[in-house]
Amino acid sequence: MTKERCAEPNFHTGALIRLPAPPSPDHLPDLQREIQRLMGQNVLRLQLYEQQLKRIMSATDFGVEILTEGEPRQTQGIQTEGKTLGQLVGLLMGDVLFSEPPPPAPDHPVAPDVAVRFNTKMRLHMQSADHDEFQTALRELVAQRNHLVHHFIEGHDLSTVEGCQSAINTLHEVLEAVGKRFGQLQDMARHVNDACTVAHSVFTSPEFQEYLVKGQIPWAITDIVADLRAAARELRTEDWTPVDAAAAWIKERSPDQSPAHYHCSSWKQVVHTSGQFDLRYQIVDGRRIAFYRERPECL
C-alpha cells in the first residue's frame, strides 16, 4: 500500500495540502526504466557532440594534391577517425582553438608523385578568459562522459529507490551540461561555416585564379592590404593617412606582418604596387612624407 505524507497547511488559504508520497519499492522498475531512458539519451547526445567536433576539425584543415599523373586527391590534416571524446577535445584545444597567436602550421611531407600541394588551415580565436573557461568545461564534460560510461553503476545502487533517484538526478545534470556544451559547439560550427564560405569566395575569385596561373599576387584579398585599410580607417585625417604611421600601427598589432612577404622592400611599395590605394607626398616640417588613401573603386 502506498503511504501518504502528512498534510501541511497552505499559509495563503489556510487549507491543508496533501503532499505526494515518496516512491515505494513497488516503483523501482519504473525508476530503473527511467534511468535506462536517460542513459540512452545522454549517450546519443555525446555521440552527436563527438560527430560535431569531427566535422569542425575536418573543415579547419584540408588540402588538395595535384599529381604528376592521375586525378587530384583531397588530403586531411587532422585525423579524427577512431578518436575518443577526450582525444578530440585535445585536438580541438591544441590545433584549432587558441587564445594567443598560434604557432606556424608545420609543413606536411609531400609524396614523390605530387606536383603541387595546396593546404588550408583555419584557427579559431577566443578571448583568454573565455578560452580557459571553455577548456575547463570541456574537461569536465569528458570526465562526466567517462564516469557515465565506465563507472556509473559503481556510484549508484540501482537496486534501491534512493539509489535510482540519485542516478536520475545525476543523469539530468549530465544531460543539461551536454546540452549547454553542444549549443556552444553549434555556435563554433557556424563560425567555421562562415569562414569556409569566405575561403570559397577567395579561392574562386579571379584574383586568386590569376595568382595560381600567373603568380600575380591577389592584392585585394591579402592580409597586408586589409591591415592598411584598417590603419587608414583608424588614423586618417581628411581621407589621407601617413604611410609610416600606418606601418607602425600595423606592426604593433601584427608583428609578423611585413612587405617582404609580398616581394616588396617597403610599405610605400606595397601601397603603390597593390593598386588599391592612391599615394601622394607632402612636405611636412621640411620633410617629404608619403600619404595614402583607399581608392573608391577598390572599397
C-alpha atoms as a PDB file:
ATOM      1  CA  MET A   1       0.000   0.000   0.000  1.00  0.00           C
ATOM      2  CA  THR A   2       1.243   3.460  -0.861  1.00  0.00           C
ATOM      3  CA  LYS A   3       1.740   5.703   2.153  1.00  0.00           C
ATOM      4  CA  GLU A   4       0.875   9.373   2.016  1.00  0.00           C
ATOM      5  CA  ARG A   5       2.827  12.100   3.753  1.00  0.00           C
ATOM      6  CA  CYS A   6       1.191  14.180   6.466  1.00  0.00           C
ATOM      7  CA  ALA A   7      -0.827  17.136   5.285  1.00  0.00           C
ATOM      8  CA  GLU A   8       0.759  20.569   5.630  1.00  0.00           C
ATOM      9  CA  PRO A   9      -1.058  23.892   5.875  1.00  0.00           C
ATOM     10  CA  ASN A  10      -1.302  26.317   2.966  1.00  0.00           C
ATOM     11  CA  PHE A  11      -0.472  29.645   4.614  1.00  0.00           C
ATOM     12  CA  HIS A  12      -2.310  31.605   1.881  1.00  0.00           C
ATOM     13  CA  THR A  13      -5.673  29.858   2.165  1.00  0.00           C
ATOM     14  CA  GLY A  14      -5.493  28.008   5.451  1.00  0.00           C
ATOM     15  CA  ALA A  15      -6.365  24.757   3.659  1.00  0.00           C
ATOM     16  CA  LEU A  16      -4.344  21.598   4.017  1.00  0.00           C
ATOM     17  CA  ILE A  17      -2.203  20.433   1.079  1.00  0.00           C
ATOM     18  CA  ARG A  18      -1.630  16.707   0.775  1.00  0.00           C
ATOM     19  CA  LEU A  19       1.922  16.107  -0.421  1.00  0.00           C
ATOM     20  CA  PRO A  20       2.671  13.154  -2.698  1.00  0.00           C
ATOM     21  CA  ALA A  21       4.333  10.225  -1.034  1.00  0.00           C
ATOM     22  CA  PRO A  22       7.889   9.308  -1.989  1.00  0.00           C
ATOM     23  CA  PRO A  23       8.276   6.386  -4.386  1.00  0.00           C
ATOM     24  CA  SER A  24       7.845   2.986  -2.798  1.00  0.00           C
ATOM     25  CA  PRO A  25       9.796  -0.170  -3.684  1.00  0.00           C
ATOM     26  CA  ASP A  26       6.883  -1.011  -5.973  1.00  0.00           C
ATOM     27  CA  HIS A  27       8.015   1.876  -8.204  1.00  0.00           C
ATOM     28  CA  LEU A  28      11.559   0.523  -8.548  1.00  0.00           C
ATOM     29  CA  PRO A  29      11.061  -0.981 -12.071  1.00  0.00           C
ATOM     30  CA  ASP A  30       9.678   2.352 -13.326  1.00  0.00           C
ATOM     31  CA  LEU A  31      12.676   4.217 -11.892  1.00  0.00           C
ATOM     32  CA  GLN A  32      15.079   1.746 -13.473  1.00  0.00           C
ATOM     33  CA  ARG A  33      13.402   2.180 -16.870  1.00  0.00           C
ATOM     34  CA  GLU A  34      13.704   5.951 -16.498  1.00  0.00           C
ATOM     35  CA  ILE A  35      17.419   5.509 -15.802  1.00  0.00           C
ATOM     36  CA  GLN A  36      17.787   3.457 -18.976  1.00  0.00           C
ATOM     37  CA  ARG A  37      15.952   6.123 -20.979  1.00  0.00           C
ATOM     38  CA  LEU A  38      18.100   8.958 -19.627  1.00  0.00           C
ATOM     39  CA  MET A  39      21.275   6.937 -20.065  1.00  0.00           C
ATOM     40  CA  GLY A  40      20.443   6.329 -23.719  1.00  0.00           C
ATOM     41  CA  GLN A  41      19.597   9.993 -24.250  1.00  0.00           C
ATOM     42  CA  ASN A  42      22.928  11.044 -22.731  1.00  0.00           C
ATOM     43  CA  VAL A  43      24.942   8.591 -24.820  1.00  0.00           C
ATOM     44  CA  LEU A  44      23.228   9.728 -28.035  1.00  0.00           C
ATOM     45  CA  ARG A  45      23.875  13.401 -27.238  1.00  0.00           C
ATOM     46  CA  LEU A  46      27.516  12.669 -26.502  1.00  0.00           C
ATOM     47  CA  GLN A  47      27.854  10.869 -29.830  1.00  0.00           C
ATOM     48  CA  LEU A  48      26.297  13.874 -31.597  1.00  0.00           C
ATOM     49  CA  TYR A  49      28.821  16.070 -29.788  1.00  0.00           C
ATOM     50  CA  GLU A  50      31.697  13.888 -30.998  1.00  0.00           C
ATOM     51  CA  GLN A  51      30.400  13.999 -34.589  1.00  0.00           C
ATOM     52  CA  GLN A  52      30.150  17.798 -34.479  1.00  0.00           C
ATOM     53  CA  LEU A  53      33.713  18.024 -33.169  1.00  0.00           C
ATOM     54  CA  LYS A  54      34.937  15.854 -36.037  1.00  0.00           C
ATOM     55  CA  ARG A  55      33.100  17.966 -38.612  1.00  0.00           C
ATOM     56  CA  ILE A  56      34.586  21.183 -37.221  1.00  0.00           C
ATOM     57  CA  MET A  57      38.138  19.871 -37.264  1.00  0.00           C
ATOM     58  CA  SER A  58      37.775  18.344 -40.719  1.00  0.00           C
ATOM     59  CA  ALA A  59      36.621  21.722 -42.042  1.00  0.00           C
ATOM     60  CA  THR A  60      39.532  23.628 -40.499  1.00  0.00           C
ATOM     61  CA  ASP A  61      42.383  21.636 -42.048  1.00  0.00           C
ATOM     62  CA  PHE A  62      42.223  20.215 -45.557  1.00  0.00           C
ATOM     63  CA  GLY A  63      44.131  20.310 -48.809  1.00  0.00           C
ATOM     64  CA  VAL A  64      44.375  19.176 -52.408  1.00  0.00           C
ATOM     65  CA  GLU A  65      47.280  17.499 -54.159  1.00  0.00           C
ATOM     66  CA  ILE A  66      47.809  17.797 -57.922  1.00  0.00           C
ATOM     67  CA  LEU A  67      49.559  14.637 -59.026  1.00  0.00           C
ATOM     68  CA  THR A  68      52.084  14.223 -61.819  1.00  0.00           C
ATOM     69  CA  GLU A  69      49.686  11.619 -63.202  1.00  0.00           C
ATOM     70  CA  GLY A  70      46.050  10.930 -62.441  1.00  0.00           C
ATOM     71  CA  GLU A  71      43.234  12.850 -60.772  1.00  0.00           C
ATOM     72  CA  PRO A  72      43.788  15.349 -57.917  1.00  0.00           C
ATOM     73  CA  ARG A  73      43.228  13.980 -54.441  1.00  0.00           C
ATOM     74  CA  GLN A  74      41.985  15.592 -51.252  1.00  0.00           C
ATOM     75  CA  THR A  75      44.063  15.471 -48.086  1.00  0.00           C
ATOM     76  CA  GLN A  76      43.037  15.777 -44.458  1.00  0.00           C
ATOM     77  CA  GLY A  77      45.370  17.437 -41.956  1.00  0.00           C
ATOM     78  CA  ILE A  78      43.666  16.460 -38.682  1.00  0.00           C
ATOM     79  CA  GLN A  79      42.914  12.758 -38.350  1.00  0.00           C
ATOM     80  CA  THR A  80      39.759  12.249 -36.271  1.00  0.00           C
ATOM     81  CA  GLU A  81      38.790   8.692 -37.193  1.00  0.00           C
ATOM     82  CA  GLY A  82      38.692   6.384 -34.175  1.00  0.00           C
ATOM     83  CA  LYS A  83      39.429   9.165 -31.672  1.00  0.00           C
ATOM     84  CA  THR A  84      37.727   9.240 -28.266  1.00  0.00           C
ATOM     85  CA  LEU A  85      35.930  12.325 -26.953  1.00  0.00           C
ATOM     86  CA  GLY A  86      38.942  13.149 -24.780  1.00  0.00           C
ATOM     87  CA  GLN A  87      41.303  12.890 -27.745  1.00  0.00           C
ATOM     88  CA  LEU A  88      39.010  15.053 -29.902  1.00  0.00           C
ATOM     89  CA  VAL A  89      38.876  17.731 -27.205  1.00  0.00           C
ATOM     90  CA  GLY A  90      42.681  17.635 -27.005  1.00  0.00           C
ATOM     91  CA  LEU A  91      42.928  18.132 -30.771  1.00  0.00           C
ATOM     92  CA  LEU A  92      40.418  20.998 -30.668  1.00  0.00           C
ATOM     93  CA  MET A  93      42.281  22.866 -27.934  1.00  0.00           C
ATOM     94  CA  GLY A  94      45.722  22.082 -29.377  1.00  0.00           C
ATOM     95  CA  ASP A  95      45.213  22.592 -33.114  1.00  0.00           C
ATOM     96  CA  VAL A  96      42.080  24.669 -33.704  1.00  0.00           C
ATOM     97  CA  LEU A  97      41.109  26.928 -30.788  1.00  0.00           C
ATOM     98  CA  PHE A  98      43.591  29.472 -29.409  1.00  0.00           C
ATOM     99  CA  SER A  99      43.622  32.471 -27.076  1.00  0.00           C
ATOM    100  CA  GLU A 100      47.054  33.675 -28.254  1.00  0.00           C
ATOM    101  CA  PRO A 101      48.534  33.855 -31.766  1.00  0.00           C
ATOM    102  CA  PRO A 102      49.061  30.207 -32.757  1.00  0.00           C
ATOM    103  CA  PRO A 103      52.440  28.824 -33.827  1.00  0.00           C
ATOM    104  CA  PRO A 104      53.081  28.435 -37.564  1.00  0.00           C
ATOM    105  CA  ALA A 105      51.462  25.349 -39.035  1.00  0.00           C
ATOM    106  CA  PRO A 106      54.002  22.581 -39.681  1.00  0.00           C
ATOM    107  CA  ASP A 107      54.798  21.621 -43.260  1.00  0.00           C
ATOM    108  CA  HIS A 108      53.240  18.374 -44.404  1.00  0.00           C
ATOM    109  CA  PRO A 109      55.508  15.887 -46.189  1.00  0.00           C
ATOM    110  CA  VAL A 110      54.938  15.779 -49.941  1.00  0.00           C
ATOM    111  CA  ALA A 111      54.865  12.445 -51.744  1.00  0.00           C
ATOM    112  CA  PRO A 112      57.091  11.960 -54.828  1.00  0.00           C
ATOM    113  CA  ASP A 113      54.074  11.742 -57.146  1.00  0.00           C
ATOM    114  CA  VAL A 114      52.766  15.188 -56.089  1.00  0.00           C
ATOM    115  CA  ALA A 115      53.416  18.099 -58.451  1.00  0.00           C
ATOM    116  CA  VAL A 116      51.575  20.789 -56.460  1.00  0.00           C
ATOM    117  CA  ARG A 117      50.137  20.706 -52.943  1.00  0.00           C
ATOM    118  CA  PHE A 118      47.694  23.276 -51.626  1.00  0.00           C
ATOM    119  CA  ASN A 119      46.636  23.253 -47.955  1.00  0.00           C
ATOM    120  CA  THR A 120      44.209  25.394 -45.969  1.00  0.00           C
ATOM    121  CA  LYS A 121      44.286  25.591 -42.185  1.00  0.00           C
ATOM    122  CA  MET A 122      41.902  27.730 -40.144  1.00  0.00           C
ATOM    123  CA  ARG A 123      42.341  28.631 -36.481  1.00  0.00           C
ATOM    124  CA  LEU A 124      39.651  29.996 -34.160  1.00  0.00           C
ATOM    125  CA  HIS A 125      40.416  32.749 -31.662  1.00  0.00           C
ATOM    126  CA  MET A 126      38.787  33.111 -28.242  1.00  0.00           C
ATOM    127  CA  GLN A 127      39.492  35.652 -25.510  1.00  0.00           C
ATOM    128  CA  SER A 128      41.822  34.265 -22.829  1.00  0.00           C
ATOM    129  CA  ALA A 129      39.242  34.147 -20.014  1.00  0.00           C
ATOM    130  CA  ASP A 130      36.612  32.551 -22.284  1.00  0.00           C
ATOM    131  CA  HIS A 131      39.208  30.106 -23.623  1.00  0.00           C
ATOM    132  CA  ASP A 132      40.172  28.939 -20.126  1.00  0.00           C
ATOM    133  CA  GLU A 133      36.534  28.604 -19.070  1.00  0.00           C
ATOM    134  CA  PHE A 134      35.657  26.671 -22.225  1.00  0.00           C
ATOM    135  CA  GLN A 135      38.632  24.351 -21.803  1.00  0.00           C
ATOM    136  CA  THR A 136      37.719  23.634 -18.174  1.00  0.00           C
ATOM    137  CA  ALA A 137      34.107  22.944 -19.146  1.00  0.00           C
ATOM    138  CA  LEU A 138      35.208  20.521 -21.877  1.00  0.00           C
ATOM    139  CA  ARG A 139      37.466  18.648 -19.467  1.00  0.00           C
ATOM    140  CA  GLU A 140      34.575  18.362 -17.039  1.00  0.00           C
ATOM    141  CA  LEU A 141      32.389  17.072 -19.864  1.00  0.00           C
ATOM    142  CA  VAL A 142      34.960  14.401 -20.752  1.00  0.00           C
ATOM    143  CA  ALA A 143      35.156  13.382 -17.083  1.00  0.00           C
ATOM    144  CA  GLN A 144      31.356  13.165 -16.911  1.00  0.00           C
ATOM    145  CA  ARG A 145      31.275  11.065 -20.081  1.00  0.00           C
ATOM    146  CA  ASN A 146      33.932   8.674 -18.767  1.00  0.00           C
ATOM    147  CA  HIS A 147      32.140   8.321 -15.433  1.00  0.00           C
ATOM    148  CA  LEU A 148      28.845   7.752 -17.229  1.00  0.00           C
ATOM    149  CA  VAL A 149      30.221   5.022 -19.485  1.00  0.00           C
ATOM    150  CA  HIS A 150      32.662   3.288 -17.150  1.00  0.00           C
ATOM    151  CA  HIS A 151      31.728   3.953 -13.516  1.00  0.00           C
ATOM    152  CA  PHE A 152      28.082   4.982 -13.317  1.00  0.00           C
ATOM    153  CA  ILE A 153      26.790   1.795 -11.652  1.00  0.00           C
ATOM    154  CA  GLU A 154      29.642   1.896  -9.137  1.00  0.00           C
ATOM    155  CA  GLY A 155      28.353   5.239  -7.859  1.00  0.00           C
ATOM    156  CA  HIS A 156      24.649   4.373  -7.712  1.00  0.00           C
ATOM    157  CA  ASP A 157      22.849   1.427  -6.176  1.00  0.00           C
ATOM    158  CA  LEU A 158      20.157   0.752  -8.763  1.00  0.00           C
ATOM    159  CA  SER A 159      18.551  -1.923  -6.582  1.00  0.00           C
ATOM    160  CA  THR A 160      17.121   0.709  -4.218  1.00  0.00           C
ATOM    161  CA  VAL A 161      14.691   3.567  -4.667  1.00  0.00           C
ATOM    162  CA  GLU A 162      17.142   6.029  -3.164  1.00  0.00           C
ATOM    163  CA  GLY A 163      19.943   4.867  -5.432  1.00  0.00           C
ATOM    164  CA  CYS A 164      17.720   5.155  -8.509  1.00  0.00           C
ATOM    165  CA  GLN A 165      16.596   8.653  -7.580  1.00  0.00           C
ATOM    166  CA  SER A 166      20.226   9.703  -7.111  1.00  0.00           C
ATOM    167  CA  ALA A 167      21.089   8.187 -10.501  1.00  0.00           C
ATOM    168  CA  ILE A 168      18.213  10.022 -12.196  1.00  0.00           C
ATOM    169  CA  ASN A 169      19.322  13.336 -10.695  1.00  0.00           C
ATOM    170  CA  THR A 170      22.886  12.758 -11.925  1.00  0.00           C
ATOM    171  CA  LEU A 171      21.709  11.863 -15.434  1.00  0.00           C
ATOM    172  CA  HIS A 172      19.616  15.027 -15.623  1.00  0.00           C
ATOM    173  CA  GLU A 173      22.666  17.088 -14.610  1.00  0.00           C
ATOM    174  CA  VAL A 174      24.812  15.450 -17.283  1.00  0.00           C
ATOM    175  CA  LEU A 175      22.069  15.934 -19.882  1.00  0.00           C
ATOM    176  CA  GLU A 176      21.904  19.639 -19.070  1.00  0.00           C
ATOM    177  CA  ALA A 177      25.695  20.014 -19.225  1.00  0.00           C
ATOM    178  CA  VAL A 178      25.948  18.199 -22.575  1.00  0.00           C
ATOM    179  CA  GLY A 179      23.112  20.305 -23.999  1.00  0.00           C
ATOM    180  CA  LYS A 180      24.843  23.529 -22.960  1.00  0.00           C
ATOM    181  CA  ARG A 181      28.188  22.487 -24.454  1.00  0.00           C
ATOM    182  CA  PHE A 182      26.512  21.254 -27.624  1.00  0.00           C
ATOM    183  CA  GLY A 183      24.951  24.703 -28.068  1.00  0.00           C
ATOM    184  CA  GLN A 184      28.394  26.300 -27.781  1.00  0.00           C
ATOM    185  CA  LEU A 185      29.760  23.826 -30.306  1.00  0.00           C
ATOM    186  CA  GLN A 186      26.984  24.676 -32.753  1.00  0.00           C
ATOM    187  CA  ASP A 187      27.931  28.363 -32.479  1.00  0.00           C
ATOM    188  CA  MET A 188      31.526  27.395 -33.237  1.00  0.00           C
ATOM    189  CA  ALA A 189      30.386  25.327 -36.223  1.00  0.00           C
ATOM    190  CA  ARG A 190      28.514  28.354 -37.598  1.00  0.00           C
ATOM    191  CA  HIS A 191      31.701  30.441 -37.392  1.00  0.00           C
ATOM    192  CA  VAL A 192      33.625  27.701 -39.202  1.00  0.00           C
ATOM    193  CA  ASN A 193      30.946  27.527 -41.904  1.00  0.00           C
ATOM    194  CA  ASP A 194      31.137  31.323 -42.334  1.00  0.00           C
ATOM    195  CA  ALA A 195      34.933  31.089 -42.648  1.00  0.00           C
ATOM    196  CA  CYS A 196      34.589  28.302 -45.227  1.00  0.00           C
ATOM    197  CA  THR A 197      32.199  30.475 -47.217  1.00  0.00           C
ATOM    198  CA  VAL A 198      34.711  33.327 -47.222  1.00  0.00           C
ATOM    199  CA  ALA A 199      37.526  30.927 -48.166  1.00  0.00           C
ATOM    200  CA  HIS A 200      35.463  29.574 -51.058  1.00  0.00           C
ATOM    201  CA  SER A 201      34.809  33.101 -52.353  1.00  0.00           C
ATOM    202  CA  VAL A 202      38.544  33.828 -52.178  1.00  0.00           C
ATOM    203  CA  PHE A 203      39.632  30.623 -53.905  1.00  0.00           C
ATOM    204  CA  THR A 204      37.132  31.086 -56.731  1.00  0.00           C
ATOM    205  CA  SER A 205      37.858  34.787 -57.233  1.00  0.00           C
ATOM    206  CA  PRO A 206      39.512  35.984 -60.477  1.00  0.00           C
ATOM    207  CA  GLU A 207      42.391  37.468 -58.436  1.00  0.00           C
ATOM    208  CA  PHE A 208      43.212  34.120 -56.850  1.00  0.00           C
ATOM    209  CA  GLN A 209      42.965  32.324 -60.193  1.00  0.00           C
ATOM    210  CA  GLU A 210      45.467  34.823 -61.614  1.00  0.00           C
ATOM    211  CA  TYR A 211      47.743  34.092 -58.673  1.00  0.00           C
ATOM    212  CA  LEU A 212      47.606  30.342 -59.280  1.00  0.00           C
ATOM    213  CA  VAL A 213      48.084  30.571 -63.029  1.00  0.00           C
ATOM    214  CA  LYS A 214      50.406  33.568 -63.433  1.00  0.00           C
ATOM    215  CA  GLY A 215      51.801  34.096 -59.953  1.00  0.00           C
ATOM    216  CA  GLN A 216      50.227  37.554 -59.655  1.00  0.00           C
ATOM    217  CA  ILE A 217      49.549  38.472 -56.032  1.00  0.00           C
ATOM    218  CA  PRO A 218      45.782  38.902 -55.399  1.00  0.00           C
ATOM    219  CA  TRP A 219      46.302  42.211 -53.623  1.00  0.00           C
ATOM    220  CA  ALA A 220      42.621  42.951 -52.995  1.00  0.00           C
ATOM    221  CA  ILE A 221      42.273  39.938 -50.697  1.00  0.00           C
ATOM    222  CA  THR A 222      45.667  39.945 -48.964  1.00  0.00           C
ATOM    223  CA  ASP A 223      46.170  40.444 -45.233  1.00  0.00           C
ATOM    224  CA  ILE A 224      48.577  43.328 -45.735  1.00  0.00           C
ATOM    225  CA  VAL A 225      46.043  45.335 -47.772  1.00  0.00           C
ATOM    226  CA  ALA A 226      43.369  44.580 -45.165  1.00  0.00           C
ATOM    227  CA  ASP A 227      45.765  45.869 -42.483  1.00  0.00           C
ATOM    228  CA  LEU A 228      46.455  49.053 -44.470  1.00  0.00           C
ATOM    229  CA  ARG A 229      42.724  49.631 -44.848  1.00  0.00           C
ATOM    230  CA  ALA A 230      42.188  49.161 -41.107  1.00  0.00           C
ATOM    231  CA  ALA A 231      45.053  51.561 -40.335  1.00  0.00           C
ATOM    232  CA  ALA A 232      43.608  54.153 -42.715  1.00  0.00           C
ATOM    233  CA  ARG A 233      40.212  53.991 -41.007  1.00  0.00           C
ATOM    234  CA  GLU A 234      41.881  54.447 -37.637  1.00  0.00           C
ATOM    235  CA  LEU A 235      44.489  57.112 -38.425  1.00  0.00           C
ATOM    236  CA  ARG A 236      43.352  59.123 -41.451  1.00  0.00           C
ATOM    237  CA  THR A 237      42.947  62.877 -41.389  1.00  0.00           C
ATOM    238  CA  GLU A 238      40.834  64.344 -44.200  1.00  0.00           C
ATOM    239  CA  ASP A 239      40.968  60.979 -46.011  1.00  0.00           C
ATOM    240  CA  TRP A 240      44.781  60.731 -46.045  1.00  0.00           C
ATOM    241  CA  THR A 241      46.999  58.610 -43.782  1.00  0.00           C
ATOM    242  CA  PRO A 242      50.805  58.811 -43.312  1.00  0.00           C
ATOM    243  CA  VAL A 243      52.326  55.565 -44.603  1.00  0.00           C
ATOM    244  CA  ASP A 244      54.919  55.422 -41.800  1.00  0.00           C
ATOM    245  CA  ALA A 245      52.253  55.909 -39.121  1.00  0.00           C
ATOM    246  CA  ALA A 246      50.153  53.131 -40.670  1.00  0.00           C
ATOM    247  CA  ALA A 247      53.179  50.811 -40.778  1.00  0.00           C
ATOM    248  CA  ALA A 248      53.898  51.426 -37.071  1.00  0.00           C
ATOM    249  CA  TRP A 249      50.215  50.893 -36.192  1.00  0.00           C
ATOM    250  CA  ILE A 250      50.162  47.585 -38.093  1.00  0.00           C
ATOM    251  CA  LYS A 251      53.466  46.379 -36.599  1.00  0.00           C
ATOM    252  CA  GLU A 252      52.140  46.975 -33.096  1.00  0.00           C
ATOM    253  CA  ARG A 253      49.112  44.747 -33.763  1.00  0.00           C
ATOM    254  CA  SER A 254      50.614  42.237 -36.222  1.00  0.00           C
ATOM    255  CA  PRO A 255      54.354  41.979 -35.523  1.00  0.00           C
ATOM    256  CA  ASP A 256      54.873  39.311 -38.199  1.00  0.00           C
ATOM    257  CA  GLN A 257      53.364  41.391 -40.996  1.00  0.00           C
ATOM    258  CA  SER A 258      55.994  42.535 -43.481  1.00  0.00           C
ATOM    259  CA  PRO A 259      56.193  43.910 -47.045  1.00  0.00           C
ATOM    260  CA  ALA A 260      58.893  41.290 -47.681  1.00  0.00           C
ATOM    261  CA  HIS A 261      56.198  38.595 -47.592  1.00  0.00           C
ATOM    262  CA  TYR A 262      54.817  40.185 -50.763  1.00  0.00           C
ATOM    263  CA  HIS A 263      58.140  40.742 -52.547  1.00  0.00           C
ATOM    264  CA  CYS A 264      58.216  44.435 -51.612  1.00  0.00           C
ATOM    265  CA  SER A 265      61.061  46.331 -49.969  1.00  0.00           C
ATOM    266  CA  SER A 266      58.922  48.959 -48.205  1.00  0.00           C
ATOM    267  CA  TRP A 267      55.387  49.834 -47.136  1.00  0.00           C
ATOM    268  CA  LYS A 268      55.312  52.575 -49.779  1.00  0.00           C
ATOM    269  CA  GLN A 269      55.996  49.949 -52.427  1.00  0.00           C
ATOM    270  CA  VAL A 270      53.074  47.854 -51.118  1.00  0.00           C
ATOM    271  CA  VAL A 271      50.768  50.887 -51.290  1.00  0.00           C
ATOM    272  CA  HIS A 272      51.884  51.648 -54.850  1.00  0.00           C
ATOM    273  CA  THR A 273      52.141  48.106 -56.235  1.00  0.00           C
ATOM    274  CA  SER A 274      48.875  46.805 -54.796  1.00  0.00           C
ATOM    275  CA  GLY A 275      46.825  49.226 -56.883  1.00  0.00           C
ATOM    276  CA  GLN A 276      44.343  49.526 -54.018  1.00  0.00           C
ATOM    277  CA  PHE A 277      45.391  52.983 -52.822  1.00  0.00           C
ATOM    278  CA  ASP A 278      46.272  56.471 -54.001  1.00  0.00           C
ATOM    279  CA  LEU A 279      49.751  57.621 -52.965  1.00  0.00           C
ATOM    280  CA  ARG A 280      50.973  61.201 -52.683  1.00  0.00           C
ATOM    281  CA  TYR A 281      53.784  63.119 -50.996  1.00  0.00           C
ATOM    282  CA  GLN A 282      53.570  66.267 -48.894  1.00  0.00           C
ATOM    283  CA  ILE A 283      56.179  68.451 -47.257  1.00  0.00           C
ATOM    284  CA  VAL A 284      55.610  68.447 -43.500  1.00  0.00           C
ATOM    285  CA  ASP A 285      58.014  70.391 -41.267  1.00  0.00           C
ATOM    286  CA  GLY A 286      60.543  70.357 -44.064  1.00  0.00           C
ATOM    287  CA  ARG A 287      60.282  66.609 -44.610  1.00  0.00           C
ATOM    288  CA  ARG A 288      58.782  64.762 -47.584  1.00  0.00           C
ATOM    289  CA  ILE A 289      56.089  62.473 -46.139  1.00  0.00           C
ATOM    290  CA  ALA A 290      54.190  59.739 -48.018  1.00  0.00           C
ATOM    291  CA  PHE A 291      50.408  59.618 -47.535  1.00  0.00           C
ATOM    292  CA  TYR A 292      47.847  57.173 -48.898  1.00  0.00           C
ATOM    293  CA  ARG A 293      44.102  56.727 -49.115  1.00  0.00           C
ATOM    294  CA  GLU A 294      41.777  53.981 -50.322  1.00  0.00           C
ATOM    295  CA  ARG A 295      40.622  54.211 -53.885  1.00  0.00           C
ATOM    296  CA  PRO A 296      36.812  54.473 -54.033  1.00  0.00           C
ATOM    297  CA  GLU A 297      36.574  51.804 -56.743  1.00  0.00           C
ATOM    298  CA  CYS A 298      38.516  49.383 -54.528  1.00  0.00           C
ATOM    299  CA  LEU A 299      36.336  49.716 -51.439  1.00  0.00           C
END
